[in-house]
C-alpha atoms as a PDB file:
ATOM      1  CA  MET A   1      29.230 -20.835  -2.555  1.00  0.00           C
ATOM      2  CA  LEU A   2      26.640 -21.209  -5.086  1.00  0.00           C
ATOM      3  CA  LYS A   3      23.693 -21.838  -2.195  1.00  0.00           C
ATOM      4  CA  LEU A   4      24.908 -18.913  -0.416  1.00  0.00           C
ATOM      5  CA  LEU A   5      24.713 -16.665  -2.605  1.00  0.00           C
ATOM      6  CA  TRP A   6      21.375 -18.233  -3.427  1.00  0.00           C
ATOM      7  CA  ILE A   7      20.333 -17.971   0.796  1.00  0.00           C
ATOM      8  CA  ILE A   8      21.580 -14.463   0.819  1.00  0.00           C
ATOM      9  CA  MET A   9      19.830 -13.310  -2.327  1.00  0.00           C
ATOM     10  CA  VAL A  10      16.388 -14.733  -0.894  1.00  0.00           C
ATOM     11  CA  LEU A  11      16.880 -13.798   2.692  1.00  0.00           C
ATOM     12  CA  SER A  12      17.724 -10.023   1.392  1.00  0.00           C
ATOM     13  CA  ALA A  13      14.297 -10.003  -1.275  1.00  0.00           C
ATOM     14  CA  ILE A  14      12.687 -11.083   1.970  1.00  0.00           C
ATOM     15  CA  LEU A  15      13.399  -8.544   4.255  1.00  0.00           C
ATOM     16  CA  MET A  16      13.663  -5.423   1.142  1.00  0.00           C
ATOM     17  CA  ILE A  17      10.182  -6.620   1.043  1.00  0.00           C
ATOM     18  CA  VAL A  18       9.501  -5.961   5.174  1.00  0.00           C
ATOM     19  CA  LEU A  19      11.755  -2.704   5.398  1.00  0.00           C
ATOM     20  CA  ILE A  20       9.700  -1.022   2.651  1.00  0.00           C
ATOM     21  CA  LEU A  21       6.598  -1.872   3.168  1.00  0.00           C
ATOM     22  CA  MET A  22       8.001  -0.365   6.765  1.00  0.00           C
ATOM     23  CA  HIS A  23       8.365   3.416   5.186  1.00  0.00           C
ATOM     24  CA  SER A  24       5.798   5.735   5.303  1.00  0.00           C
ATOM     25  CA  PRO A  25       3.678   7.890   2.630  1.00  0.00           C
ATOM     26  CA  LYS A  26       5.692  10.779   2.023  1.00  0.00           C
ATOM     27  CA  GLY A  27       3.093  13.210   1.291  1.00  0.00           C
ATOM     28  CA  ASP A  28       2.316  15.027   4.464  1.00  0.00           C
ATOM     29  CA  GLY A  29      -1.190  15.941   3.865  1.00  0.00           C
ATOM     30  CA  ILE A  30      -2.892  18.828   5.432  1.00  0.00           C
ATOM     31  CA  ALA A  31      -0.308  18.788   7.567  1.00  0.00           C
ATOM     32  CA  GLY A  32       2.425  19.988   4.935  1.00  0.00           C
ATOM     33  CA  ILE A  33       0.276  23.232   4.669  1.00  0.00           C
ATOM     34  CA  GLY A  34       1.718  25.022   7.882  1.00  0.00           C
ATOM     35  CA  ASN A  35       4.532  23.306   8.121  1.00  0.00           C
ATOM     36  CA  ALA A  36       3.887  21.245  10.872  1.00  0.00           C
ATOM     37  CA  ALA A  37       4.961  18.038   9.667  1.00  0.00           C
ATOM     38  CA  GLN A  38       8.302  19.015  10.881  1.00  0.00           C
ATOM     39  CA  MET A  39       6.899  19.027  14.301  1.00  0.00           C
ATOM     40  CA  PHE A  40       8.043  15.932  14.612  1.00  0.00           C
ATOM     41  CA  THR A  41      12.023  15.413  13.845  1.00  0.00           C
ATOM     42  CA  SER A  42      12.217  11.925  15.649  1.00  0.00           C
ATOM     43  CA  GLN A  43      10.373  10.759  13.434  1.00  0.00           C
ATOM     44  CA  LYS A  44      12.168  11.913  10.492  1.00  0.00           C
ATOM     45  CA  SER A  45      15.026  10.334  11.724  1.00  0.00           C
ATOM     46  CA  ALA A  46      13.456   7.396  12.243  1.00  0.00           C
ATOM     47  CA  GLU A  47      12.851   7.457   8.763  1.00  0.00           C
ATOM     48  CA  LYS A  48      16.307   8.737   7.134  1.00  0.00           C
ATOM     49  CA  GLY A  49      17.988   5.618   9.458  1.00  0.00           C
ATOM     50  CA  LEU A  50      15.267   3.132   7.289  1.00  0.00           C
ATOM     51  CA  ASN A  51      15.649   4.463   4.333  1.00  0.00           C
ATOM     52  CA  LYS A  52      20.186   3.641   3.937  1.00  0.00           C
ATOM     53  CA  LEU A  53      19.460   0.182   5.418  1.00  0.00           C
ATOM     54  CA  THR A  54      16.862  -0.242   2.915  1.00  0.00           C
ATOM     55  CA  GLY A  55      20.152   0.964   0.536  1.00  0.00           C
ATOM     56  CA  ILE A  56      22.071  -1.672   1.950  1.00  0.00           C
ATOM     57  CA  VAL A  57      19.816  -3.918   1.708  1.00  0.00           C
ATOM     58  CA  ALA A  58      18.427  -3.600  -1.628  1.00  0.00           C
ATOM     59  CA  LEU A  59      22.373  -2.871  -2.745  1.00  0.00           C
ATOM     60  CA  ILE A  60      23.283  -6.814  -1.416  1.00  0.00           C
ATOM     61  CA  PHE A  61      20.277  -8.120  -3.284  1.00  0.00           C
ATOM     62  CA  ILE A  62      21.339  -6.190  -7.150  1.00  0.00           C
ATOM     63  CA  VAL A  63      25.193  -7.345  -6.075  1.00  0.00           C
ATOM     64  CA  CYS A  64      23.710 -11.433  -5.793  1.00  0.00           C
ATOM     65  CA  VAL A  65      21.379 -10.968  -8.267  1.00  0.00           C
ATOM     66  CA  PHE A  66      24.924  -9.724 -10.618  1.00  0.00           C
ATOM     67  CA  ILE A  67      26.597 -11.721  -9.514  1.00  0.00           C
ATOM     68  CA  LEU A  68      24.380 -15.243 -10.217  1.00  0.00           C
ATOM     69  CA  GLY A  69      23.285 -13.988 -13.668  1.00  0.00           C
ATOM     70  CA  PHE A  70      26.628 -13.829 -14.684  1.00  0.00           C
ATOM     71  CA  GLY A  71      27.493 -16.632 -14.129  1.00  0.00           C
ATOM     72  CA  LEU A  72      30.788 -15.179 -11.623  1.00  0.00           C
ATOM     73  CA  VAL A  73      30.823 -17.976  -9.533  1.00  0.00           C
ATOM     74  CA  SER A  74      31.532 -21.949 -10.252  1.00  0.00           C
END
């Protein structure tokens, strides 16, 4: 059970790194002046899905860290 938690933690850490690197920068740059950034809505919906997936993977990682850190598994 302990090895399984370590494997899940390491895989979620690697996946979280990849997902965070896939995020686009939050600044709209010059396109934010005339609200031209809203023209491309498909990119915004893809960003929502990526944010949700990153949050789920981060939650899995945090739960594994707490379980392993507090020694709840023998």
